[in-house]
């Protein structure tokens, strides 16, 4: 069955960096576009970034443009989200997604 497992979250100070990973299994990873979403406490889940199946095209929410980079390694069936210049408002649970399939999420907390 489809499995998406996020990792790499944690506590980081404002201005710091984190790299999230999403290990995919149970489907042909290289055939599907992938996305990152996030959900802050008490708020709806919102789009963060997406990447086409080949990795040739990416798309970002305005709030993260220039700070976050989505990438993928199709040989490793893994999706990444490099997050730089983190802000307290980036605090959320981050999820990777493929169509209607979601991972369990990984917590990112940005605080001094």
N, C-alpha and C. Protein backbone atom coordinates (compact mmCIF):
# COMPACT_ATOMS: atom_id res chain seq x y z
N UNK A 1 0.83 -1.18 0.00
CA UNK A 1 0.00 0.00 0.00
C UNK A 1 0.88 1.25 0.00
N UNK A 2 0.27 2.36 -0.36
CA UNK A 2 1.02 3.61 -0.40
C UNK A 2 1.43 4.02 1.01
N UNK A 3 2.71 4.35 1.15
CA UNK A 3 3.21 4.88 2.42
C UNK A 3 4.05 6.11 2.16
N UNK A 4 3.80 7.14 2.94
CA UNK A 4 4.59 8.36 2.91
C UNK A 4 5.03 8.65 4.34
N UNK A 5 6.33 8.70 4.56
CA UNK A 5 6.86 8.86 5.91
C UNK A 5 7.78 10.07 5.96
N UNK A 6 7.33 11.11 6.65
CA UNK A 6 8.12 12.33 6.79
C UNK A 6 9.10 12.22 7.95
N UNK A 7 10.18 12.95 7.83
CA UNK A 7 11.17 13.04 8.90
C UNK A 7 11.94 14.34 8.74
N UNK A 8 12.71 14.68 9.78
CA UNK A 8 13.57 15.85 9.71
C UNK A 8 13.08 17.07 10.45
N UNK A 9 11.89 17.00 11.01
CA UNK A 9 11.37 18.13 11.76
C UNK A 9 12.12 18.30 13.09
N UNK A 10 11.81 19.39 13.76
CA UNK A 10 12.44 19.65 15.05
C UNK A 10 12.27 21.10 15.47
N UNK A 11 13.04 21.46 16.50
CA UNK A 11 13.03 22.82 17.03
C UNK A 11 14.23 23.57 16.46
N UNK A 12 13.98 24.75 15.92
CA UNK A 12 15.06 25.55 15.33
C UNK A 12 14.82 27.01 15.68
N UNK A 13 15.90 27.76 15.80
CA UNK A 13 15.77 29.18 16.09
C UNK A 13 15.40 29.97 14.84
N UNK A 14 14.77 31.11 15.01
CA UNK A 14 14.48 31.96 13.85
C UNK A 14 15.75 32.25 13.06
N UNK A 15 15.62 32.17 11.73
CA UNK A 15 16.77 32.33 10.86
C UNK A 15 17.50 31.05 10.54
N UNK A 16 17.13 29.98 11.22
CA UNK A 16 17.79 28.70 11.02
C UNK A 16 17.24 27.94 9.83
N UNK A 17 17.77 26.72 9.67
CA UNK A 17 17.39 25.88 8.53
C UNK A 17 17.06 24.47 8.99
N UNK A 18 16.22 23.82 8.22
CA UNK A 18 15.90 22.40 8.39
C UNK A 18 15.68 21.80 7.01
N UNK A 19 15.94 20.51 6.89
CA UNK A 19 15.59 19.79 5.67
C UNK A 19 14.67 18.64 6.03
N UNK A 20 13.48 18.68 5.47
CA UNK A 20 12.52 17.60 5.66
C UNK A 20 12.68 16.58 4.54
N UNK A 21 12.41 15.34 4.90
CA UNK A 21 12.40 14.25 3.92
C UNK A 21 11.07 13.53 3.98
N UNK A 22 10.71 12.94 2.86
CA UNK A 22 9.49 12.12 2.78
C UNK A 22 9.85 10.88 1.99
N UNK A 23 9.90 9.75 2.68
CA UNK A 23 10.21 8.48 2.04
C UNK A 23 8.91 7.85 1.54
N UNK A 24 8.88 7.55 0.25
CA UNK A 24 7.68 7.02 -0.38
C UNK A 24 7.85 5.55 -0.74
N UNK A 25 6.76 4.80 -0.64
CA UNK A 25 6.77 3.40 -1.04
C UNK A 25 5.37 2.97 -1.42
N UNK A 26 5.29 1.86 -2.14
CA UNK A 26 3.99 1.30 -2.50
C UNK A 26 3.41 1.83 -3.80
N UNK A 27 4.17 2.68 -4.49
CA UNK A 27 3.72 3.18 -5.79
C UNK A 27 4.96 3.61 -6.59
N UNK A 28 4.74 3.88 -7.87
CA UNK A 28 5.85 4.27 -8.73
C UNK A 28 6.11 5.76 -8.54
N UNK A 29 7.00 6.05 -7.61
CA UNK A 29 7.26 7.42 -7.17
C UNK A 29 7.57 8.35 -8.34
N UNK A 30 8.36 7.88 -9.27
CA UNK A 30 8.83 8.74 -10.36
C UNK A 30 7.72 9.13 -11.34
N UNK A 31 6.55 8.54 -11.18
CA UNK A 31 5.44 8.84 -12.09
C UNK A 31 4.50 9.92 -11.58
N UNK A 32 4.72 10.39 -10.35
CA UNK A 32 3.74 11.28 -9.72
C UNK A 32 4.35 12.58 -9.23
N UNK A 33 3.59 13.66 -9.44
CA UNK A 33 3.92 14.91 -8.78
C UNK A 33 3.74 14.74 -7.27
N UNK A 34 4.49 15.52 -6.52
CA UNK A 34 4.43 15.45 -5.06
C UNK A 34 4.30 16.85 -4.49
N UNK A 35 3.75 16.91 -3.29
CA UNK A 35 3.52 18.22 -2.67
C UNK A 35 3.88 18.19 -1.19
N UNK A 36 4.12 19.38 -0.67
CA UNK A 36 4.23 19.60 0.77
C UNK A 36 3.10 20.55 1.20
N UNK A 37 2.51 20.21 2.34
CA UNK A 37 1.51 21.06 2.97
C UNK A 37 1.93 21.26 4.42
N UNK A 38 1.30 22.21 5.08
CA UNK A 38 1.54 22.39 6.51
C UNK A 38 0.26 22.83 7.21
N UNK A 39 0.22 22.52 8.50
CA UNK A 39 -0.94 22.89 9.31
C UNK A 39 -0.45 23.42 10.64
N UNK A 40 -0.71 24.70 10.86
CA UNK A 40 -0.37 25.34 12.12
C UNK A 40 -1.49 25.08 13.13
N UNK A 41 -1.18 25.17 14.42
CA UNK A 41 -2.21 24.91 15.44
C UNK A 41 -3.43 25.80 15.25
N UNK A 42 -4.59 25.18 15.22
CA UNK A 42 -5.84 25.91 15.10
C UNK A 42 -6.14 26.45 13.72
N UNK A 43 -5.34 26.07 12.73
CA UNK A 43 -5.54 26.58 11.37
C UNK A 43 -5.73 25.43 10.39
N UNK A 44 -6.19 25.78 9.20
CA UNK A 44 -6.38 24.78 8.16
C UNK A 44 -5.03 24.38 7.55
N UNK A 45 -5.02 23.21 6.95
CA UNK A 45 -3.84 22.75 6.23
C UNK A 45 -3.69 23.59 4.96
N UNK A 46 -2.50 24.05 4.68
CA UNK A 46 -2.27 24.91 3.52
C UNK A 46 -1.12 24.40 2.66
N UNK A 47 -1.17 24.75 1.41
CA UNK A 47 -0.16 24.35 0.44
C UNK A 47 1.16 25.07 0.71
N UNK A 48 2.26 24.33 0.56
CA UNK A 48 3.59 24.91 0.72
C UNK A 48 4.36 24.88 -0.60
N UNK A 49 4.47 23.69 -1.19
CA UNK A 49 5.28 23.56 -2.40
C UNK A 49 4.89 22.29 -3.13
N UNK A 50 5.18 22.27 -4.43
CA UNK A 50 4.92 21.09 -5.24
C UNK A 50 6.01 20.93 -6.28
N UNK A 51 6.15 19.71 -6.75
CA UNK A 51 7.17 19.40 -7.75
C UNK A 51 6.62 18.36 -8.71
N UNK A 52 6.92 18.52 -9.99
CA UNK A 52 6.45 17.56 -10.98
C UNK A 52 7.19 16.23 -10.83
N UNK A 53 6.72 15.22 -11.53
CA UNK A 53 7.29 13.89 -11.35
C UNK A 53 8.77 13.82 -11.72
N UNK A 54 9.16 14.59 -12.71
CA UNK A 54 10.57 14.59 -13.14
C UNK A 54 11.43 15.54 -12.30
N UNK A 55 10.77 16.42 -11.56
CA UNK A 55 11.50 17.44 -10.81
C UNK A 55 11.79 18.68 -11.62
N UNK A 56 11.31 18.71 -12.85
CA UNK A 56 11.63 19.82 -13.73
C UNK A 56 10.89 21.11 -13.44
N UNK A 57 9.78 21.00 -12.76
CA UNK A 57 9.00 22.20 -12.43
C UNK A 57 8.59 22.18 -10.98
N UNK A 58 8.62 23.35 -10.35
CA UNK A 58 8.23 23.50 -8.97
C UNK A 58 7.28 24.69 -8.81
N UNK A 59 6.58 24.68 -7.70
CA UNK A 59 5.63 25.75 -7.40
C UNK A 59 5.63 25.96 -5.89
N UNK A 60 5.50 27.23 -5.47
CA UNK A 60 5.58 27.54 -4.05
C UNK A 60 4.47 28.49 -3.62
N UNK A 61 4.09 28.37 -2.36
CA UNK A 61 3.23 29.39 -1.76
C UNK A 61 4.04 30.68 -1.65
N UNK A 62 3.35 31.80 -1.78
CA UNK A 62 4.03 33.09 -1.71
C UNK A 62 4.79 33.27 -0.40
N UNK A 63 4.26 32.70 0.66
CA UNK A 63 4.85 32.89 1.98
C UNK A 63 6.21 32.21 2.14
N UNK A 64 6.55 31.28 1.25
CA UNK A 64 7.82 30.57 1.39
C UNK A 64 8.75 30.76 0.20
N UNK A 65 8.29 31.46 -0.82
CA UNK A 65 9.13 31.68 -2.00
C UNK A 65 10.44 32.36 -1.62
N UNK A 66 11.52 31.82 -2.18
CA UNK A 66 12.84 32.39 -1.90
C UNK A 66 13.48 31.85 -0.64
N UNK A 67 12.72 31.13 0.18
CA UNK A 67 13.27 30.57 1.42
C UNK A 67 13.26 29.04 1.42
N UNK A 68 12.24 28.45 0.80
CA UNK A 68 12.10 26.99 0.77
C UNK A 68 12.40 26.48 -0.63
N UNK A 69 12.94 25.27 -0.69
CA UNK A 69 13.21 24.60 -1.97
C UNK A 69 12.74 23.17 -1.90
N UNK A 70 11.88 22.80 -2.83
CA UNK A 70 11.41 21.42 -2.91
C UNK A 70 12.25 20.69 -3.97
N UNK A 71 12.59 19.45 -3.67
CA UNK A 71 13.35 18.64 -4.62
C UNK A 71 13.00 17.17 -4.40
N UNK A 72 13.50 16.34 -5.28
CA UNK A 72 13.21 14.91 -5.16
C UNK A 72 14.36 14.11 -5.73
N UNK A 73 14.49 12.89 -5.22
CA UNK A 73 15.45 11.93 -5.74
C UNK A 73 14.66 10.70 -6.13
N UNK A 74 14.38 10.56 -7.40
CA UNK A 74 13.54 9.44 -7.84
C UNK A 74 14.23 8.09 -7.68
N UNK A 75 15.55 8.08 -7.66
CA UNK A 75 16.27 6.83 -7.44
C UNK A 75 16.12 6.35 -6.00
N UNK A 76 15.89 7.29 -5.09
CA UNK A 76 15.72 6.95 -3.68
C UNK A 76 14.27 7.02 -3.21
N UNK A 77 13.35 7.31 -4.14
CA UNK A 77 11.93 7.44 -3.78
C UNK A 77 11.74 8.41 -2.61
N UNK A 78 12.40 9.53 -2.68
CA UNK A 78 12.37 10.47 -1.56
C UNK A 78 12.13 11.89 -2.06
N UNK A 79 11.27 12.58 -1.33
CA UNK A 79 10.95 13.99 -1.55
C UNK A 79 11.60 14.80 -0.43
N UNK A 80 12.06 15.99 -0.77
CA UNK A 80 12.72 16.85 0.21
C UNK A 80 12.09 18.24 0.25
N UNK A 81 12.27 18.90 1.39
CA UNK A 81 11.93 20.30 1.51
C UNK A 81 13.04 20.97 2.31
N UNK A 82 13.86 21.75 1.64
CA UNK A 82 14.90 22.52 2.30
C UNK A 82 14.29 23.85 2.73
N UNK A 83 14.36 24.12 4.02
CA UNK A 83 13.75 25.32 4.58
C UNK A 83 14.84 26.19 5.20
N UNK A 84 15.02 27.37 4.65
CA UNK A 84 16.00 28.32 5.15
C UNK A 84 15.31 29.58 5.67
N UNK A 85 16.07 30.37 6.42
CA UNK A 85 15.55 31.63 6.96
C UNK A 85 14.19 31.42 7.63
N UNK A 86 14.13 30.41 8.47
CA UNK A 86 12.85 30.06 9.10
C UNK A 86 12.36 31.15 10.03
N UNK A 87 11.03 31.29 10.06
CA UNK A 87 10.36 32.30 10.87
C UNK A 87 9.42 31.60 11.85
N UNK A 88 9.07 32.26 12.95
CA UNK A 88 8.12 31.65 13.89
C UNK A 88 6.81 31.25 13.22
N UNK A 89 6.39 32.01 12.22
CA UNK A 89 5.14 31.68 11.54
C UNK A 89 5.24 30.45 10.64
N UNK A 90 6.43 29.89 10.50
CA UNK A 90 6.58 28.63 9.79
C UNK A 90 6.30 27.43 10.70
N UNK A 91 6.10 27.67 11.97
CA UNK A 91 5.79 26.60 12.91
C UNK A 91 4.51 25.89 12.50
N UNK A 92 4.60 24.58 12.31
CA UNK A 92 3.46 23.79 11.84
C UNK A 92 3.86 22.32 11.78
N UNK A 93 2.85 21.49 11.57
CA UNK A 93 3.12 20.11 11.18
C UNK A 93 3.18 20.09 9.66
N UNK A 94 4.25 19.52 9.12
CA UNK A 94 4.48 19.48 7.69
C UNK A 94 4.16 18.09 7.16
N UNK A 95 3.38 18.05 6.07
CA UNK A 95 2.95 16.79 5.48
C UNK A 95 3.40 16.72 4.03
N UNK A 96 3.82 15.54 3.60
CA UNK A 96 3.98 15.33 2.17
C UNK A 96 2.72 14.63 1.65
N UNK A 97 2.47 14.84 0.37
CA UNK A 97 1.24 14.31 -0.21
C UNK A 97 1.46 13.91 -1.65
N UNK A 98 0.72 12.88 -2.03
CA UNK A 98 0.67 12.44 -3.42
C UNK A 98 -0.80 12.17 -3.71
N UNK A 99 -1.41 13.07 -4.47
CA UNK A 99 -2.84 12.95 -4.71
C UNK A 99 -3.59 13.01 -3.39
N UNK A 100 -4.37 11.98 -3.10
CA UNK A 100 -5.15 11.95 -1.87
C UNK A 100 -4.44 11.23 -0.73
N UNK A 101 -3.21 10.83 -0.95
CA UNK A 101 -2.44 10.12 0.06
C UNK A 101 -1.57 11.10 0.84
N UNK A 102 -1.55 10.94 2.17
CA UNK A 102 -0.82 11.82 3.05
C UNK A 102 0.09 11.02 3.97
N UNK A 103 1.18 11.66 4.36
CA UNK A 103 1.99 11.09 5.41
C UNK A 103 1.42 11.46 6.78
N UNK A 104 2.14 11.06 7.83
CA UNK A 104 1.67 11.32 9.19
C UNK A 104 2.10 12.69 9.70
N UNK A 105 3.03 13.31 8.98
CA UNK A 105 3.46 14.64 9.34
C UNK A 105 4.69 14.66 10.24
N UNK A 106 5.39 15.78 10.20
CA UNK A 106 6.54 15.99 11.08
C UNK A 106 6.47 17.43 11.60
N UNK A 107 6.70 17.57 12.90
CA UNK A 107 6.53 18.86 13.56
C UNK A 107 7.77 19.75 13.33
N UNK A 108 7.51 20.97 12.93
CA UNK A 108 8.57 21.98 12.83
C UNK A 108 8.19 23.12 13.76
N UNK A 109 9.09 23.44 14.68
CA UNK A 109 8.85 24.53 15.61
C UNK A 109 10.00 25.54 15.49
N UNK A 110 9.64 26.78 15.20
CA UNK A 110 10.63 27.84 15.06
C UNK A 110 10.44 28.80 16.23
N UNK A 111 11.41 28.79 17.12
CA UNK A 111 11.29 29.58 18.34
C UNK A 111 12.65 29.83 18.94
N UNK A 112 12.79 30.99 19.58
CA UNK A 112 14.03 31.28 20.29
C UNK A 112 13.91 30.88 21.75
